[in-house]
PDB file of N, CA and C in Angstrom:
ATOM      1  N   MET A   1      99.108  79.443  90.022  1.00  0.00           N
ATOM      2  CA  MET A   1      99.048  80.320  91.428  1.00  0.00           C
ATOM      3  C   MET A   1      98.087  81.553  90.922  1.00  0.00           C
ATOM      4  N   THR A   2      96.702  81.933  91.650  1.00  0.00           N
ATOM      5  CA  THR A   2      96.169  82.757  91.089  1.00  0.00           C
ATOM      6  C   THR A   2      96.574  84.350  91.881  1.00  0.00           C
ATOM      7  N   VAL A   3      96.138  85.036  91.647  1.00  0.00           N
ATOM      8  CA  VAL A   3      96.209  86.607  92.157  1.00  0.00           C
ATOM      9  C   VAL A   3      95.883  86.872  93.207  1.00  0.00           C
ATOM     10  N   GLU A   4      94.925  86.182  93.885  1.00  0.00           N
ATOM     11  CA  GLU A   4      94.260  86.196  95.295  1.00  0.00           C
ATOM     12  C   GLU A   4      95.307  85.376  96.220  1.00  0.00           C
ATOM     13  N   ARG A   5      95.946  84.524  95.781  1.00  0.00           N
ATOM     14  CA  ARG A   5      96.785  83.999  96.548  1.00  0.00           C
ATOM     15  C   ARG A   5      98.260  84.375  96.392  1.00  0.00           C
ATOM     16  N   ALA A   6      99.084  84.570  95.450  1.00  0.00           N
ATOM     17  CA  ALA A   6      99.871  85.600  95.016  1.00  0.00           C
ATOM     18  C   ALA A   6     100.104  87.144  95.839  1.00  0.00           C
ATOM     19  N   LEU A   7      98.688  87.777  96.000  1.00  0.00           N
ATOM     20  CA  LEU A   7      98.732  89.075  96.969  1.00  0.00           C
ATOM     21  C   LEU A   7      98.720  88.577  98.364  1.00  0.00           C
ATOM     22  N   LEU A   8      98.698  87.629  99.009  1.00  0.00           N
ATOM     23  CA  LEU A   8      98.651  87.001 100.237  1.00  0.00           C
ATOM     24  C   LEU A   8     100.258  86.848 100.371  1.00  0.00           C
ATOM     25  N   VAL A   9     100.507  86.007  99.684  1.00  0.00           N
ATOM     26  CA  VAL A   9     101.632  85.923  99.435  1.00  0.00           C
ATOM     27  C   VAL A   9     103.018  87.477  99.615  1.00  0.00           C
ATOM     28  N   PHE A  10     102.322  87.968  98.920  1.00  0.00           N
ATOM     29  CA  PHE A  10     103.074  89.328  98.319  1.00  0.00           C
ATOM     30  C   PHE A  10     103.333  90.127 100.056  1.00  0.00           C
ATOM     31  N   ALA A  11     101.784  90.296 100.291  1.00  0.00           N
ATOM     32  CA  ALA A  11     101.746  90.724 101.629  1.00  0.00           C
ATOM     33  C   ALA A  11     102.241  90.440 102.824  1.00  0.00           C
ATOM     34  N   GLY A  12     102.331  89.044 103.019  1.00  0.00           N
ATOM     35  CA  GLY A  12     102.459  88.422 104.136  1.00  0.00           C
ATOM     36  C   GLY A  12     104.402  88.371 104.324  1.00  0.00           C
ATOM     37  N   SER A  13     105.058  88.604 102.737  1.00  0.00           N
ATOM     38  CA  SER A  13     106.461  88.643 102.769  1.00  0.00           C
ATOM     39  C   SER A  13     106.803  90.217 102.852  1.00  0.00           C
ATOM     40  N   MET A  14     106.125  90.967 102.854  1.00  0.00           N
ATOM     41  CA  MET A  14     106.117  92.249 102.673  1.00  0.00           C
ATOM     42  C   MET A  14     106.467  92.959 104.206  1.00  0.00           C
ATOM     43  N   VAL A  15     105.332  92.487 104.727  1.00  0.00           N
ATOM     44  CA  VAL A  15     105.209  92.483 106.062  1.00  0.00           C
ATOM     45  C   VAL A  15     106.464  91.846 106.847  1.00  0.00           C
ATOM     46  N   LEU A  16     106.892  90.799 106.734  1.00  0.00           N
ATOM     47  CA  LEU A  16     108.016  89.541 107.469  1.00  0.00           C
ATOM     48  C   LEU A  16     109.417  90.484 107.019  1.00  0.00           C
ATOM     49  N   LEU A  17     109.421  90.778 105.926  1.00  0.00           N
ATOM     50  CA  LEU A  17     110.710  92.044 105.296  1.00  0.00           C
ATOM     51  C   LEU A  17     110.766  93.171 106.401  1.00  0.00           C
ATOM     52  N   SER A  18     110.014  93.528 106.334  1.00  0.00           N
ATOM     53  CA  SER A  18     109.673  94.967 107.017  1.00  0.00           C
ATOM     54  C   SER A  18     109.881  95.004 108.678  1.00  0.00           C
ATOM     55  N   VAL A  19     109.588  93.856 109.098  1.00  0.00           N
ATOM     56  CA  VAL A  19     109.671  93.964 110.584  1.00  0.00           C
ATOM     57  C   VAL A  19     111.642  93.048 110.617  1.00  0.00           C
ATOM     58  N   LEU A  20     111.760  92.409 109.994  1.00  0.00           N
ATOM     59  CA  LEU A  20     113.027  91.843 110.063  1.00  0.00           C
ATOM     60  C   LEU A  20     114.414  93.373 109.745  1.00  0.00           C
ATOM     61  N   LEU A  21     113.454  94.262 108.686  1.00  0.00           N
ATOM     62  CA  LEU A  21     114.462  95.449 108.706  1.00  0.00           C
ATOM     63  C   LEU A  21     114.330  95.978 109.567  1.00  0.00           C
ATOM     64  N   THR A  22     113.265  96.724 110.417  1.00  0.00           N
ATOM     65  CA  THR A  22     113.390  97.029 111.413  1.00  0.00           C
ATOM     66  C   THR A  22     113.898  97.003 112.576  1.00  0.00           C
ATOM     67  N   TYR A  23     114.246  95.633 112.724  1.00  0.00           N
ATOM     68  CA  TYR A  23     114.963  95.124 113.892  1.00  0.00           C
ATOM     69  C   TYR A  23     116.656  95.185 113.707  1.00  0.00           C
ATOM     70  N   TYR A  24     116.653  94.524 112.296  1.00  0.00           N
ATOM     71  CA  TYR A  24     118.102  94.484 112.325  1.00  0.00           C
ATOM     72  C   TYR A  24     118.998  95.854 111.591  1.00  0.00           C
ATOM     73  N   VAL A  25     118.024  96.561 110.867  1.00  0.00           N
ATOM     74  CA  VAL A  25     118.473  97.938 109.894  1.00  0.00           C
ATOM     75  C   VAL A  25     118.512  99.128 110.861  1.00  0.00           C
ATOM     76  N   HIS A  26     117.173  99.650 110.737  1.00  0.00           N
ATOM     77  CA  HIS A  26     117.127 100.773 111.199  1.00  0.00           C
ATOM     78  C   HIS A  26     115.463 100.919 111.563  1.00  0.00           C
ATOM     79  N   PRO A  27     115.015 101.361 113.077  1.00  0.00           N
ATOM     80  CA  PRO A  27     113.684 101.425 113.731  1.00  0.00           C
ATOM     81  C   PRO A  27     113.117 102.052 112.665  1.00  0.00           C
ATOM     82  N   ASN A  28     113.146 103.257 111.789  1.00  0.00           N
ATOM     83  CA  ASN A  28     112.384 103.936 110.742  1.00  0.00           C
ATOM     84  C   ASN A  28     111.473 102.719 109.931  1.00  0.00           C
ATOM     85  N   PHE A  29     111.932 101.624 109.742  1.00  0.00           N
ATOM     86  CA  PHE A  29     111.674 100.608 108.897  1.00  0.00           C
ATOM     87  C   PHE A  29     110.116 100.218 109.626  1.00  0.00           C
ATOM     88  N   VAL A  30     109.725 100.409 110.828  1.00  0.00           N
ATOM     89  CA  VAL A  30     108.340 100.462 110.973  1.00  0.00           C
ATOM     90  C   VAL A  30     107.350 101.313 110.076  1.00  0.00           C
ATOM     91  N   TRP A  31     107.764 101.891 109.749  1.00  0.00           N
ATOM     92  CA  TRP A  31     106.886 102.946 108.662  1.00  0.00           C
ATOM     93  C   TRP A  31     106.574 101.920 107.512  1.00  0.00           C
ATOM     94  N   LEU A  32     107.706 101.007 106.911  1.00  0.00           N
ATOM     95  CA  LEU A  32     106.940 100.432 105.811  1.00  0.00           C
ATOM     96  C   LEU A  32     106.094  99.034 106.387  1.00  0.00           C
ATOM     97  N   THR A  33     106.089  98.807 107.603  1.00  0.00           N
ATOM     98  CA  THR A  33     105.144  97.705 108.015  1.00  0.00           C
ATOM     99  C   THR A  33     103.820  98.592 108.110  1.00  0.00           C
ATOM    100  N   LEU A  34     103.889  99.877 108.657  1.00  0.00           N
ATOM    101  CA  LEU A  34     102.743 100.260 108.726  1.00  0.00           C
ATOM    102  C   LEU A  34     101.863 101.050 107.388  1.00  0.00           C
ATOM    103  N   PHE A  35     102.888 101.097 106.593  1.00  0.00           N
ATOM    104  CA  PHE A  35     102.197 101.539 105.022  1.00  0.00           C
ATOM    105  C   PHE A  35     101.638 100.501 104.467  1.00  0.00           C
ATOM    106  N   VAL A  36     102.203  99.198 104.303  1.00  0.00           N
ATOM    107  CA  VAL A  36     101.729  97.788 103.857  1.00  0.00           C
ATOM    108  C   VAL A  36     100.278  97.280 105.042  1.00  0.00           C
ATOM    109  N   GLY A  37     100.320  97.459 105.633  1.00  0.00           N
ATOM    110  CA  GLY A  37      98.883  97.416 106.582  1.00  0.00           C
ATOM    111  C   GLY A  37      97.842  98.538 106.242  1.00  0.00           C
ATOM    112  N   ALA A  38      98.388  99.510 106.384  1.00  0.00           N
ATOM    113  CA  ALA A  38      97.207 100.965 105.599  1.00  0.00           C
ATOM    114  C   ALA A  38      96.631 100.179 104.335  1.00  0.00           C
ATOM    115  N   ASN A  39      97.550 100.050 103.152  1.00  0.00           N
ATOM    116  CA  ASN A  39      97.709  99.659 102.195  1.00  0.00           C
ATOM    117  C   ASN A  39      96.244  98.306 102.081  1.00  0.00           C
ATOM    118  N   MET A  40      96.389  97.554 102.737  1.00  0.00           N
ATOM    119  CA  MET A  40      95.690  96.210 102.839  1.00  0.00           C
ATOM    120  C   MET A  40      94.328  96.459 103.542  1.00  0.00           C
ATOM    121  N   ILE A  41      94.312  97.502 104.466  1.00  0.00           N
ATOM    122  CA  ILE A  41      93.065  97.884 104.906  1.00  0.00           C
ATOM    123  C   ILE A  41      92.283  99.050 104.188  1.00  0.00           C
ATOM    124  N   GLN A  42      92.897  99.755 103.296  1.00  0.00           N
ATOM    125  CA  GLN A  42      92.323 100.186 102.204  1.00  0.00           C
ATOM    126  C   GLN A  42      91.629  99.420 100.761  1.00  0.00           C
ATOM    127  N   SER A  43      92.203  98.277 100.781  1.00  0.00           N
ATOM    128  CA  SER A  43      92.233  97.878  99.761  1.00  0.00           C
ATOM    129  C   SER A  43      90.934  97.159  99.656  1.00  0.00           C
ATOM    130  N   ALA A  44      90.704  96.687 101.307  1.00  0.00           N
ATOM    131  CA  ALA A  44      89.447  95.939 101.688  1.00  0.00           C
ATOM    132  C   ALA A  44      88.301  96.725 101.342  1.00  0.00           C
ATOM    133  N   PHE A  45      87.974  97.908 101.742  1.00  0.00           N
ATOM    134  CA  PHE A  45      87.542  98.836 101.812  1.00  0.00           C
ATOM    135  C   PHE A  45      87.031  99.378  99.927  1.00  0.00           C
ATOM    136  N   THR A  46      88.177  99.697  99.392  1.00  0.00           N
ATOM    137  CA  THR A  46      87.802 100.182  97.959  1.00  0.00           C
ATOM    138  C   THR A  46      88.127  99.199  96.670  1.00  0.00           C
ATOM    139  N   GLY A  47      88.628  97.925  96.971  1.00  0.00           N
ATOM    140  CA  GLY A  47      89.158  97.518  96.047  1.00  0.00           C
ATOM    141  C   GLY A  47      90.332  97.337  95.305  1.00  0.00           C
ATOM    142  N   PHE A  48      91.097  98.748  95.033  1.00  0.00           N
ATOM    143  CA  PHE A  48      91.954  98.752  94.778  1.00  0.00           C
ATOM    144  C   PHE A  48      93.095  98.759  95.263  1.00  0.00           C
ATOM    145  N   CYS A  49      93.991  97.781  94.456  1.00  0.00           N
ATOM    146  CA  CYS A  49      95.449  97.491  94.739  1.00  0.00           C
ATOM    147  C   CYS A  49      96.331  97.582  93.937  1.00  0.00           C
ATOM    148  N   PRO A  50      97.257  98.660  94.219  1.00  0.00           N
ATOM    149  CA  PRO A  50      98.554  98.345  92.902  1.00  0.00           C
ATOM    150  C   PRO A  50      99.017  96.915  92.246  1.00  0.00           C
ATOM    151  N   ALA A  51      99.382  96.272  93.651  1.00  0.00           N
ATOM    152  CA  ALA A  51      99.780  95.266  93.224  1.00  0.00           C
ATOM    153  C   ALA A  51      99.169  93.878  92.327  1.00  0.00           C
ATOM    154  N   VAL A  52      97.777  94.076  92.556  1.00  0.00           N
ATOM    155  CA  VAL A  52      97.132  92.816  91.937  1.00  0.00           C
ATOM    156  C   VAL A  52      97.033  93.729  90.648  1.00  0.00           C
ATOM    157  N   MET A  53      97.361  94.642  89.662  1.00  0.00           N
ATOM    158  CA  MET A  53      97.120  95.326  88.760  1.00  0.00           C
ATOM    159  C   MET A  53      98.716  95.182  88.229  1.00  0.00           C
ATOM    160  N   VAL A  54     100.080  94.916  88.956  1.00  0.00           N
ATOM    161  CA  VAL A  54     101.250  94.423  88.568  1.00  0.00           C
ATOM    162  C   VAL A  54     101.097  92.755  88.138  1.00  0.00           C
ATOM    163  N   MET A  55     100.181  91.942  88.977  1.00  0.00           N
ATOM    164  CA  MET A  55     100.138  90.762  88.848  1.00  0.00           C
ATOM    165  C   MET A  55      99.525  90.201  87.534  1.00  0.00           C
ATOM    166  N   LYS A  56      98.332  90.780  87.465  1.00  0.00           N
ATOM    167  CA  LYS A  56      97.440  90.541  86.096  1.00  0.00           C
ATOM    168  C   LYS A  56      98.435  91.052  84.874  1.00  0.00           C
ATOM    169  N   LYS A  57      99.137  92.180  84.959  1.00  0.00           N
ATOM    170  CA  LYS A  57      99.947  92.342  83.824  1.00  0.00           C
ATOM    171  C   LYS A  57     100.996  91.218  83.701  1.00  0.00           C
ATOM    172  N   LEU A  58     101.244  90.480  84.678  1.00  0.00           N
ATOM    173  CA  LEU A  58     102.092  89.634  84.767  1.00  0.00           C
ATOM    174  C   LEU A  58     101.762  87.889  84.124  1.00  0.00           C
ATOM    175  N   GLY A  59     100.442  87.877  84.008  1.00  0.00           N
ATOM    176  CA  GLY A  59      99.682  87.010  83.429  1.00  0.00           C
ATOM    177  C   GLY A  59      99.050  86.222  84.495  1.00  0.00           C
ATOM    178  N   LEU A  60      99.232  86.539  85.734  1.00  0.00           N
ATOM    179  CA  LEU A  60      98.306  85.909  86.894  1.00  0.00           C
ATOM    180  C   LEU A  60      96.600  86.083  86.751  1.00  0.00           C
ATOM    181  N   LYS A  61      95.601  84.844  86.647  1.00  0.00           N
ATOM    182  CA  LYS A  61      94.470  84.953  86.604  1.00  0.00           C
ATOM    183  C   LYS A  61      93.666  84.907  88.084  1.00  0.00           C
ATOM    184  N   THR A  62      92.810  85.238  88.123  1.00  0.00           N
ATOM    185  CA  THR A  62      91.777  85.547  89.215  1.00  0.00           C
ATOM    186  C   THR A  62      91.245  83.908  89.514  1.00  0.00           C
ATOM    187  N   GLU A  63      90.502  83.827  90.660  1.00  0.00           N
ATOM    188  CA  GLU A  63      90.135  82.937  91.132  1.00  0.00           C
ATOM    189  C   GLU A  63      88.960  82.396  90.285  1.00  0.00           C
ATOM    190  N   ALA A  64      87.983  83.773  89.790  1.00  0.00           N
ATOM    191  CA  ALA A  64      87.022  83.265  89.045  1.00  0.00           C
ATOM    192  C   ALA A  64      87.299  83.328  87.448  1.00  0.00           C
ATOM    193  N   GLN A  65      88.962  83.650  87.126  1.00  0.00           N
ATOM    194  CA  GLN A  65      88.671  83.480  85.542  1.00  0.00           C
ATOM    195  C   GLN A  65      89.255  81.761  85.457  1.00  0.00           C
ATOM    196  N   LYS A  66      90.146  81.312  86.932  1.00  0.00           N
ATOM    197  CA  LYS A  66      90.604  79.982  86.559  1.00  0.00           C
ATOM    198  C   LYS A  66      89.116  79.032  86.830  1.00  0.00           C
ATOM    199  N   ALA A  67      88.495  79.343  87.189  1.00  0.00           N
ATOM    200  CA  ALA A  67      87.060  78.500  87.784  1.00  0.00           C
ATOM    201  C   ALA A  67      86.513  78.253  86.563  1.00  0.00           C
ATOM    202  N   CYS A  68      86.620  79.661  85.415  1.00  0.00           N
ATOM    203  CA  CYS A  68      85.726  79.817  84.533  1.00  0.00           C
ATOM    204  C   CYS A  68      86.310  78.463  83.144  1.00  0.00           C
ATOM    205  N   ALA A  69      87.899  78.602  83.425  1.00  0.00           N
ATOM    206  CA  ALA A  69      88.586  77.853  82.506  1.00  0.00           C
ATOM    207  C   ALA A  69      88.586  76.384  82.541  1.00  0.00           C
ATOM    208  N   VAL A  70      88.073  75.932  83.997  1.00  0.00           N
ATOM    209  CA  VAL A  70      87.982  74.615  84.132  1.00  0.00           C
ATOM    210  C   VAL A  70      87.360  73.876  83.552  1.00  0.00           C
ATOM    211  N   ARG A  71      85.990  74.635  83.703  1.00  0.00           N
ATOM    212  CA  ARG A  71      84.310  74.161  83.054  1.00  0.00           C
ATOM    213  C   ARG A  71      84.575  73.968  81.546  1.00  0.00           C
TER     214      ARG A  71
END
């Protein structure tokens, strides 16, 4: 799995988790949903995402790194 794919899985999982927590636990968990969405938007503009840094430290490779390794 690449960093880009893992990031999509992570973001989607966080959104689903926060919606479930909002529905079943407490309405204030909606703030977690808003935070995840805002982080995705700022990441699209700035290119900075803390989750990507963690995933790279865990050893995941980017699509570009994986493409170079195939050649």
